[in-house]
Amino acid sequence: MMRSMYSGVSGLRVHQTKMDVISNNIANINTVGFKRASVSFKDSFSQTLSSATGANDDRGGINPQQVGMGANVASIVNVMSQGAAQRTDYGSDIMIDGDGFFIVKDATGYSFTRAGVFEVDAAGNLVDPNGYNVCGWRAEDDPDNPGQQKIVQDTVVPINIYEGDNLYSPAEQTTSIEFTGNFNQTTNPTQKNTMSFYDSQGNKYTINVQFEKDANTANQWNVTLPTVNTPQQGVEVTVNGTEKMYLNGLTLTGSLQFGTDGKLQQVNGGAGGANGTTLNLTGIDLAQLVDENGQNANLGGEITTQSISIDFSTVTQFNSKVTVTSQTKDGNTAGTMTGYSIDANGVIMGTYSNGDTKKLWQIPLANFKNPAGLEKYGNNLYKETSNSSEFDGIGSEVSSLGSKLQSGALEMSNVDLSYEFSEMITTQRGFQANSRIITTSDEMIQELVNLKR
């Protein structure tokens, strides 16, 4: 009888433990990134009353006779299934859709979390609500693609969006311009269009380009830069949209030859041979820039290339409206950061007042062979253990895990309230049944005591 009583006590203990886990699950039903826990039981050791015997010629075999001594908790496992999405529309909130953990760091080392409640502090650090730094890979200038950045996948470091030159987008000088649109096939008026380019300091220069139908050659338009009849004798240039100046030595000469089908056949006098489609703007020497009084007006910029390539490959000549326009393909003024965005692969892109964008950082994820082996230690954080596998200090690209990040959303708790209530009912009944074992055993002992009366 004492065995049954102590078995009942062990049943009370394990069911109380399960109720503790269920109550914690329910308490965290609205905790971002929370992973519910699941409890399983195992039987305790058994007392053997008689051992098993094998069969022989005289009698059959006998099974062992054992009395169990109660129950113990077998495991409390974190269920790492995906939680539902909660839209926040706050740009630095990030949800992991798939496997992996964000990597955060404080003075004690790395921690890991599924809760992407992040913000940028006054110093530009991307941090979680605990003040831990979110870690990632830094972008550096790509030597193979000037003006572009590449992500260096190395040991993760705390992300600072405002560090270094991230707050600014440098000025870029122009190397390429493109003309698009249509010349009218049947009319012959001289067409004048504007064309702009930038120097290395971001100053913008706008000049007029003249297209004139050739009187002697069918379907040919001559391209020139009109000069002004002033003492400066240069090409009129509007600088930064307001100042009128003059630039001597600037040259753009050639012609566009169209076929009877209205498509460009070749650019005479251009680059790329007889069938080339570009002309070069040459003689760019900003030291020759003068104002209306003939005084040197160099603004400190320079064009390091000898010419700017102008592409006419998509220009046509049909019997329709004249729509020829120019577009500066590269070059820009200097800009300041106006915001940032985070794409599905964790790349943080800075946006700037001059319309430029550039890569700043990338957020990697930590992946573990056994995520359930991680140890919870509060504040939505996990630590690695000997049974989770080790973090290598670098992490993995989001897409390599088959995952993606969603900015402006958070992962909700994966607690299913209906399931937890069902578990609560069965746990309550289990606890109730084990308490009945104790009271029944007590009554049996009482009856035994009463035998001496």
Foldseek 3Di string as FASTA:
>chain_A
DVLLQQQLVQLLVLLVVQVVQLVVLVVQQFPFQAFGKDWDKDFDDKDWPAPWDDQDPPGHIDHTDIGTRHMDIPDIWGDNDFFDKFFFQDFQFKAKFFDFWWWWADPVGIWTFRGRQWDQDPQQWIAHPVRTFTWFWFWDADPVDGPAIDTDQDFIDGDRCPPDCNQKRFWDWFAEKEKAWEAAQPDWDKDKAKDWIAFRQFKIKIFIKIWGQDPPDHQKTKIWGDFDPAPLGFTWIDINNHATKGAPQWIWTWMWHADPVFFTQAIGPDPDPGRHFKHWTARDDLQRIAHRVRHGDRPPTDDPDRTHIYGHRNYTHYNDDTDMHMDGPDTHHMWGFPDWHAFFQQFIWTATPGRDIHTTTGGAGAGWPAVRQWDDDDPRITDHDPVGDDTPSRHHTSVVSVMTMDGSMTGGYPRDVVVSVVSVVVSVVSSVVSVVSNVVVVVVVVVVVVVVD
